Amino acid sequence: MEKRMSHDSEQRTASDVTVSELLKAVKGFLMDSALPALSGRDQFNARVAANVLGIIEREQQLGPELTALDAAAAQQWLPGEAEPSTAPQQLSRALAAREINTDSHFFDYLKKRQLLVAAINNPRYASRKVAEEKWRDES
């Protein structure tokens, strides 16, 4: 049975260790112990695996905020027909079909969503920082 994270407390495993702690431990092992002992393709793959663990950890932290943002957008622009798990895809289809009025509120949603997705996938992405500063000034 899958546990859901709340914004108030971090998801814990059956042994009372947080998911974040487990991810950090495995990532630490990969980066501190395995990576220096490897070379070539194996070293590259270990680095990719460590990066994937970072994405999973950030998804655990920021995913609920992204889900809430998408749910609110679906309620606003797809009233009554939105399925929460596929809200972004439904919004994309409605936008492509020109069923959504692309006003400043919709663009604000897209900006917030993009910043969250970038924060999950690669928080050090240079363009994310530039966009964050620019969009903050526009608000």
N, C-alpha and C. Protein backbone atom coordinates (compact mmCIF):
# COMPACT_ATOMS: atom_id res chain seq x y z
N MET A 1 0.84 -1.18 0.00
CA MET A 1 0.00 0.00 0.00
C MET A 1 0.89 1.24 0.00
N GLU A 2 0.61 2.16 -0.90
CA GLU A 2 1.42 3.36 -1.03
C GLU A 2 1.04 4.39 0.02
N LYS A 3 2.05 4.98 0.65
CA LYS A 3 1.80 6.06 1.60
C LYS A 3 1.85 7.38 0.86
N ARG A 4 1.05 8.32 1.28
CA ARG A 4 1.05 9.65 0.70
C ARG A 4 1.73 10.62 1.65
N MET A 5 2.56 11.48 1.09
CA MET A 5 3.23 12.48 1.91
C MET A 5 2.29 13.64 2.17
N SER A 6 2.39 14.19 3.33
CA SER A 6 1.67 15.42 3.61
C SER A 6 2.69 16.53 3.64
N HIS A 7 2.21 17.75 3.57
CA HIS A 7 3.13 18.88 3.63
C HIS A 7 3.69 19.03 5.04
N ASP A 8 3.02 18.48 6.05
CA ASP A 8 3.43 18.67 7.43
C ASP A 8 4.53 17.71 7.87
N SER A 9 4.51 16.49 7.38
CA SER A 9 5.51 15.52 7.82
C SER A 9 6.02 14.73 6.63
N GLU A 10 7.25 14.25 6.78
CA GLU A 10 7.85 13.49 5.70
C GLU A 10 7.42 12.04 5.78
N GLN A 11 7.29 11.43 4.61
CA GLN A 11 6.89 10.03 4.54
C GLN A 11 7.93 9.16 5.22
N ARG A 12 7.47 8.23 6.04
CA ARG A 12 8.36 7.33 6.76
C ARG A 12 8.14 5.89 6.29
N THR A 13 9.19 5.11 6.38
CA THR A 13 9.09 3.70 6.03
C THR A 13 8.62 2.93 7.26
N ALA A 14 8.46 1.63 7.11
CA ALA A 14 8.02 0.79 8.23
C ALA A 14 9.03 0.82 9.37
N SER A 15 10.29 1.07 9.08
CA SER A 15 11.31 1.12 10.13
C SER A 15 11.53 2.53 10.66
N ASP A 16 10.61 3.42 10.38
CA ASP A 16 10.61 4.80 10.89
C ASP A 16 11.78 5.64 10.37
N VAL A 17 12.29 5.27 9.21
CA VAL A 17 13.31 6.06 8.52
C VAL A 17 12.59 6.78 7.39
N THR A 18 12.92 8.03 7.18
CA THR A 18 12.22 8.75 6.11
C THR A 18 12.73 8.30 4.75
N VAL A 19 11.88 8.46 3.76
CA VAL A 19 12.26 8.15 2.39
C VAL A 19 13.46 9.01 2.00
N SER A 20 13.43 10.26 2.40
CA SER A 20 14.53 11.17 2.10
C SER A 20 15.85 10.67 2.69
N GLU A 21 15.81 10.17 3.91
CA GLU A 21 17.02 9.64 4.55
C GLU A 21 17.56 8.43 3.79
N LEU A 22 16.67 7.56 3.34
CA LEU A 22 17.10 6.40 2.56
C LEU A 22 17.74 6.82 1.24
N LEU A 23 17.09 7.75 0.56
CA LEU A 23 17.63 8.22 -0.71
C LEU A 23 18.99 8.88 -0.53
N LYS A 24 19.12 9.69 0.51
CA LYS A 24 20.41 10.36 0.79
C LYS A 24 21.50 9.33 1.11
N ALA A 25 21.15 8.29 1.84
CA ALA A 25 22.13 7.26 2.19
C ALA A 25 22.65 6.54 0.95
N VAL A 26 21.74 6.15 0.08
CA VAL A 26 22.15 5.44 -1.14
C VAL A 26 22.94 6.38 -2.05
N LYS A 27 22.47 7.61 -2.19
CA LYS A 27 23.19 8.58 -3.03
C LYS A 27 24.58 8.84 -2.45
N GLY A 28 24.68 8.97 -1.13
CA GLY A 28 25.97 9.18 -0.49
C GLY A 28 26.93 8.02 -0.75
N PHE A 29 26.41 6.80 -0.66
CA PHE A 29 27.24 5.63 -0.96
C PHE A 29 27.74 5.67 -2.40
N LEU A 30 26.83 5.96 -3.32
CA LEU A 30 27.24 6.01 -4.72
C LEU A 30 28.32 7.06 -4.96
N MET A 31 28.10 8.25 -4.43
CA MET A 31 29.02 9.37 -4.68
C MET A 31 30.33 9.23 -3.91
N ASP A 32 30.26 8.79 -2.66
CA ASP A 32 31.45 8.77 -1.81
C ASP A 32 32.25 7.47 -1.88
N SER A 33 31.59 6.35 -2.10
CA SER A 33 32.28 5.06 -2.08
C SER A 33 32.37 4.41 -3.45
N ALA A 34 31.24 4.26 -4.11
CA ALA A 34 31.22 3.53 -5.38
C ALA A 34 31.88 4.31 -6.51
N LEU A 35 31.51 5.56 -6.66
CA LEU A 35 31.99 6.36 -7.79
C LEU A 35 33.52 6.44 -7.86
N PRO A 36 34.21 6.73 -6.75
CA PRO A 36 35.68 6.79 -6.82
C PRO A 36 36.33 5.45 -7.17
N ALA A 37 35.65 4.35 -6.88
CA ALA A 37 36.21 3.03 -7.15
C ALA A 37 35.92 2.56 -8.57
N LEU A 38 35.09 3.28 -9.28
CA LEU A 38 34.71 2.88 -10.63
C LEU A 38 35.43 3.73 -11.66
N SER A 39 35.35 3.28 -12.91
CA SER A 39 35.92 4.07 -14.00
C SER A 39 35.07 3.88 -15.26
N GLY A 40 35.31 4.74 -16.21
CA GLY A 40 34.65 4.61 -17.50
C GLY A 40 33.14 4.62 -17.43
N ARG A 41 32.56 3.71 -18.17
CA ARG A 41 31.10 3.64 -18.29
C ARG A 41 30.43 3.37 -16.94
N ASP A 42 31.02 2.51 -16.12
CA ASP A 42 30.45 2.21 -14.81
C ASP A 42 30.41 3.46 -13.92
N GLN A 43 31.45 4.26 -13.98
CA GLN A 43 31.48 5.50 -13.20
C GLN A 43 30.39 6.46 -13.70
N PHE A 44 30.27 6.57 -15.01
CA PHE A 44 29.22 7.41 -15.59
C PHE A 44 27.84 6.93 -15.14
N ASN A 45 27.59 5.63 -15.23
CA ASN A 45 26.28 5.09 -14.85
C ASN A 45 26.00 5.29 -13.36
N ALA A 46 27.02 5.20 -12.52
CA ALA A 46 26.84 5.45 -11.09
C ALA A 46 26.46 6.90 -10.84
N ARG A 47 27.07 7.81 -11.58
CA ARG A 47 26.74 9.23 -11.45
C ARG A 47 25.30 9.49 -11.91
N VAL A 48 24.90 8.86 -13.01
CA VAL A 48 23.52 8.99 -13.48
C VAL A 48 22.55 8.45 -12.43
N ALA A 49 22.89 7.30 -11.84
CA ALA A 49 22.03 6.72 -10.80
C ALA A 49 21.91 7.66 -9.60
N ALA A 50 23.00 8.29 -9.20
CA ALA A 50 22.97 9.24 -8.09
C ALA A 50 22.09 10.44 -8.44
N ASN A 51 22.18 10.90 -9.68
CA ASN A 51 21.33 12.01 -10.12
C ASN A 51 19.86 11.61 -10.11
N VAL A 52 19.56 10.39 -10.51
CA VAL A 52 18.17 9.91 -10.49
C VAL A 52 17.65 9.89 -9.06
N LEU A 53 18.47 9.46 -8.12
CA LEU A 53 18.05 9.47 -6.71
C LEU A 53 17.75 10.89 -6.24
N GLY A 54 18.52 11.85 -6.71
CA GLY A 54 18.25 13.26 -6.39
C GLY A 54 16.92 13.71 -6.94
N ILE A 55 16.61 13.30 -8.17
CA ILE A 55 15.31 13.65 -8.77
C ILE A 55 14.18 13.04 -7.96
N ILE A 56 14.34 11.78 -7.56
CA ILE A 56 13.30 11.12 -6.76
C ILE A 56 13.10 11.84 -5.44
N GLU A 57 14.19 12.24 -4.80
CA GLU A 57 14.09 12.95 -3.53
C GLU A 57 13.36 14.28 -3.70
N ARG A 58 13.72 15.01 -4.74
CA ARG A 58 13.05 16.30 -4.99
C ARG A 58 11.59 16.10 -5.36
N GLU A 59 11.29 15.02 -6.08
CA GLU A 59 9.89 14.69 -6.41
C GLU A 59 9.10 14.44 -5.13
N GLN A 60 9.71 13.74 -4.17
CA GLN A 60 9.06 13.49 -2.89
C GLN A 60 8.76 14.81 -2.17
N GLN A 61 9.69 15.75 -2.26
CA GLN A 61 9.54 17.02 -1.56
C GLN A 61 8.58 17.98 -2.27
N LEU A 62 8.71 18.10 -3.59
CA LEU A 62 7.97 19.11 -4.35
C LEU A 62 6.75 18.57 -5.10
N GLY A 63 6.68 17.25 -5.23
CA GLY A 63 5.57 16.63 -5.96
C GLY A 63 4.20 17.03 -5.45
N PRO A 64 3.97 17.03 -4.14
CA PRO A 64 2.64 17.43 -3.65
C PRO A 64 2.27 18.86 -4.03
N GLU A 65 3.24 19.76 -4.03
CA GLU A 65 2.96 21.14 -4.43
C GLU A 65 2.61 21.21 -5.92
N LEU A 66 3.32 20.44 -6.74
CA LEU A 66 3.03 20.40 -8.17
C LEU A 66 1.66 19.79 -8.43
N THR A 67 1.33 18.73 -7.72
CA THR A 67 0.02 18.09 -7.86
C THR A 67 -1.10 19.05 -7.48
N ALA A 68 -0.91 19.78 -6.39
CA ALA A 68 -1.92 20.76 -5.95
C ALA A 68 -2.07 21.88 -6.97
N LEU A 69 -0.97 22.34 -7.53
CA LEU A 69 -1.01 23.39 -8.55
C LEU A 69 -1.78 22.92 -9.77
N ASP A 70 -1.49 21.70 -10.23
CA ASP A 70 -2.19 21.14 -11.39
C ASP A 70 -3.67 20.93 -11.11
N ALA A 71 -3.99 20.47 -9.91
CA ALA A 71 -5.40 20.25 -9.54
C ALA A 71 -6.17 21.57 -9.54
N ALA A 72 -5.56 22.61 -9.00
CA ALA A 72 -6.21 23.93 -8.98
C ALA A 72 -6.40 24.45 -10.40
N ALA A 73 -5.40 24.25 -11.25
CA ALA A 73 -5.51 24.69 -12.64
C ALA A 73 -6.61 23.92 -13.36
N ALA A 74 -6.67 22.63 -13.13
CA ALA A 74 -7.72 21.82 -13.76
C ALA A 74 -9.10 22.27 -13.31
N GLN A 75 -9.24 22.58 -12.03
CA GLN A 75 -10.53 23.07 -11.53
C GLN A 75 -10.92 24.39 -12.18
N GLN A 76 -9.92 25.24 -12.40
CA GLN A 76 -10.21 26.54 -12.98
C GLN A 76 -10.50 26.47 -14.47
N TRP A 77 -9.71 25.70 -15.22
CA TRP A 77 -9.84 25.72 -16.67
C TRP A 77 -10.52 24.49 -17.26
N LEU A 78 -10.73 23.46 -16.45
CA LEU A 78 -11.43 22.26 -16.91
C LEU A 78 -12.48 21.85 -15.89
N PRO A 79 -13.35 22.76 -15.50
CA PRO A 79 -14.29 22.45 -14.42
C PRO A 79 -15.15 21.22 -14.72
N GLY A 80 -15.19 20.34 -13.73
CA GLY A 80 -16.06 19.17 -13.83
C GLY A 80 -15.54 18.02 -14.66
N GLU A 81 -14.51 18.21 -15.44
CA GLU A 81 -14.06 17.13 -16.30
C GLU A 81 -12.62 16.68 -16.04
N ALA A 82 -11.98 17.28 -15.08
CA ALA A 82 -10.57 16.98 -14.86
C ALA A 82 -10.36 15.75 -13.99
N GLU A 83 -9.50 14.88 -14.44
CA GLU A 83 -9.03 13.74 -13.66
C GLU A 83 -7.69 14.18 -13.07
N PRO A 84 -7.56 14.26 -11.74
CA PRO A 84 -6.36 14.82 -11.13
C PRO A 84 -5.04 14.22 -11.62
N SER A 85 -5.01 12.92 -11.84
CA SER A 85 -3.74 12.29 -12.22
C SER A 85 -3.28 12.65 -13.63
N THR A 86 -4.19 13.13 -14.46
CA THR A 86 -3.83 13.48 -15.84
C THR A 86 -4.13 14.95 -16.16
N ALA A 87 -4.23 15.76 -15.13
CA ALA A 87 -4.56 17.18 -15.34
C ALA A 87 -3.62 17.88 -16.32
N PRO A 88 -2.30 17.71 -16.22
CA PRO A 88 -1.43 18.42 -17.17
C PRO A 88 -1.70 18.02 -18.63
N GLN A 89 -1.93 16.73 -18.86
CA GLN A 89 -2.21 16.28 -20.22
C GLN A 89 -3.55 16.83 -20.71
N GLN A 90 -4.54 16.83 -19.82
CA GLN A 90 -5.85 17.36 -20.20
C GLN A 90 -5.77 18.85 -20.50
N LEU A 91 -5.02 19.58 -19.69
CA LEU A 91 -4.83 21.01 -19.94
C LEU A 91 -4.11 21.24 -21.26
N SER A 92 -3.12 20.41 -21.56
CA SER A 92 -2.39 20.53 -22.83
C SER A 92 -3.31 20.32 -24.02
N ARG A 93 -4.15 19.29 -23.93
CA ARG A 93 -5.09 19.02 -25.03
C ARG A 93 -6.09 20.15 -25.19
N ALA A 94 -6.60 20.66 -24.07
CA ALA A 94 -7.56 21.77 -24.13
C ALA A 94 -6.90 23.02 -24.70
N LEU A 95 -5.66 23.25 -24.35
CA LEU A 95 -4.94 24.40 -24.88
C LEU A 95 -4.72 24.24 -26.39
N ALA A 96 -4.31 23.05 -26.81
CA ALA A 96 -4.10 22.79 -28.24
C ALA A 96 -5.39 22.94 -29.04
N ALA A 97 -6.51 22.59 -28.42
CA ALA A 97 -7.82 22.71 -29.08
C ALA A 97 -8.39 24.11 -28.94
N ARG A 98 -7.63 25.01 -28.32
CA ARG A 98 -8.04 26.41 -28.11
C ARG A 98 -9.31 26.52 -27.27
N GLU A 99 -9.41 25.62 -26.30
CA GLU A 99 -10.56 25.63 -25.39
C GLU A 99 -10.27 26.40 -24.11
N ILE A 100 -9.04 26.88 -23.97
CA ILE A 100 -8.63 27.62 -22.78
C ILE A 100 -8.30 29.05 -23.18
N ASN A 101 -8.83 29.99 -22.42
CA ASN A 101 -8.50 31.39 -22.63
C ASN A 101 -7.12 31.64 -22.01
N THR A 102 -6.16 31.94 -22.84
CA THR A 102 -4.79 32.11 -22.35
C THR A 102 -4.57 33.52 -21.81
N ASP A 103 -5.15 33.75 -20.66
CA ASP A 103 -5.00 35.04 -20.00
C ASP A 103 -3.77 35.01 -19.08
N SER A 104 -3.55 36.10 -18.38
CA SER A 104 -2.37 36.19 -17.52
C SER A 104 -2.38 35.15 -16.40
N HIS A 105 -3.56 34.76 -15.94
CA HIS A 105 -3.65 33.74 -14.89
C HIS A 105 -3.16 32.38 -15.39
N PHE A 106 -3.50 32.07 -16.63
CA PHE A 106 -3.05 30.80 -17.20
C PHE A 106 -1.53 30.83 -17.38
N PHE A 107 -1.00 31.93 -17.86
CA PHE A 107 0.45 32.04 -18.01
C PHE A 107 1.16 31.98 -16.66
N ASP A 108 0.56 32.55 -15.64
CA ASP A 108 1.14 32.45 -14.29
C ASP A 108 1.21 30.99 -13.84
N TYR A 109 0.14 30.24 -14.12
CA TYR A 109 0.14 28.81 -13.80
C TYR A 109 1.27 28.10 -14.54
N LEU A 110 1.40 28.36 -15.84
CA LEU A 110 2.45 27.71 -16.63
C LEU A 110 3.84 28.04 -16.09
N LYS A 111 4.05 29.28 -15.70
CA LYS A 111 5.35 29.68 -15.16
C LYS A 111 5.63 28.96 -13.84
N LYS A 112 4.65 28.96 -12.94
CA LYS A 112 4.84 28.28 -11.65
C LYS A 112 5.11 26.79 -11.87
N ARG A 113 4.37 26.20 -12.80
CA ARG A 113 4.54 24.77 -13.07
C ARG A 113 5.93 24.49 -13.61
N GLN A 114 6.37 25.31 -14.55
CA GLN A 114 7.69 25.09 -15.14
C GLN A 114 8.80 25.24 -14.10
N LEU A 115 8.66 26.21 -13.21
CA LEU A 115 9.67 26.38 -12.16
C LEU A 115 9.71 25.17 -11.22
N LEU A 116 8.54 24.63 -10.89
CA LEU A 116 8.51 23.44 -10.03
C LEU A 116 9.10 22.23 -10.74
N VAL A 117 8.73 22.02 -12.00
CA VAL A 117 9.26 20.89 -12.75
C VAL A 117 10.78 21.00 -12.87
N ALA A 118 11.27 22.19 -13.17
CA ALA A 118 12.72 22.38 -13.27
C ALA A 118 13.40 22.18 -11.91
N ALA A 119 12.75 22.60 -10.84
CA ALA A 119 13.32 22.41 -9.49
C ALA A 119 13.41 20.93 -9.16
N ILE A 120 12.50 20.14 -9.67
CA ILE A 120 12.54 18.69 -9.45
C ILE A 120 13.62 18.05 -10.33
N ASN A 121 13.58 18.35 -11.61
CA ASN A 121 14.47 17.69 -12.56
C ASN A 121 15.93 18.13 -12.46
N ASN A 122 16.16 19.42 -12.33
CA ASN A 122 17.53 19.92 -12.26
C ASN A 122 17.53 21.32 -11.66
N PRO A 123 17.59 21.42 -10.34
CA PRO A 123 17.50 22.73 -9.70
C PRO A 123 18.66 23.66 -10.03
N ARG A 124 19.76 23.11 -10.53
CA ARG A 124 20.91 23.95 -10.88
C ARG A 124 20.90 24.40 -12.33
N TYR A 125 19.85 24.06 -13.06
CA TYR A 125 19.74 24.46 -14.46
C TYR A 125 19.79 25.98 -14.55
N ALA A 126 20.73 26.51 -15.29
CA ALA A 126 20.99 27.96 -15.32
C ALA A 126 19.76 28.76 -15.75
N SER A 127 19.04 28.30 -16.74
CA SER A 127 17.88 29.05 -17.23
C SER A 127 16.76 29.10 -16.20
N ARG A 128 16.71 28.13 -15.31
CA ARG A 128 15.69 28.13 -14.26
C ARG A 128 15.87 29.35 -13.35
N LYS A 129 17.08 29.60 -12.96
CA LYS A 129 17.38 30.74 -12.09
C LYS A 129 17.03 32.06 -12.78
N VAL A 130 17.39 32.18 -14.05
CA VAL A 130 17.08 33.38 -14.82
C VAL A 130 15.57 33.57 -14.91
N ALA A 131 14.85 32.51 -15.25
CA ALA A 131 13.39 32.59 -15.36
C ALA A 131 12.76 32.93 -14.02
N GLU A 132 13.25 32.33 -12.96
CA GLU A 132 12.71 32.59 -11.63
C GLU A 132 12.84 34.07 -11.27
N GLU A 133 13.99 34.64 -11.52
CA GLU A 133 14.21 36.06 -11.22
C GLU A 133 13.34 36.96 -12.11
N LYS A 134 13.27 36.64 -13.39
CA LYS A 134 12.48 37.44 -14.33
C LYS A 134 11.00 37.37 -13.98
N TRP A 135 10.50 36.16 -13.75
CA TRP A 135 9.07 36.00 -13.48
C TRP A 135 8.69 36.57 -12.12
N ARG A 136 9.60 36.53 -11.17
CA ARG A 136 9.32 37.12 -9.87
C ARG A 136 9.15 38.63 -10.01
N ASP A 137 9.99 39.25 -10.86
CA ASP A 137 9.91 40.70 -11.09
C ASP A 137 8.61 41.08 -11.80
N GLU A 138 8.06 40.17 -12.60
CA GLU A 138 6.81 40.44 -13.33
C GLU A 138 5.59 40.37 -12.43
N SER A 139 5.71 39.66 -11.32
CA SER A 139 4.55 39.46 -10.44
C SER A 139 4.17 40.71 -9.69
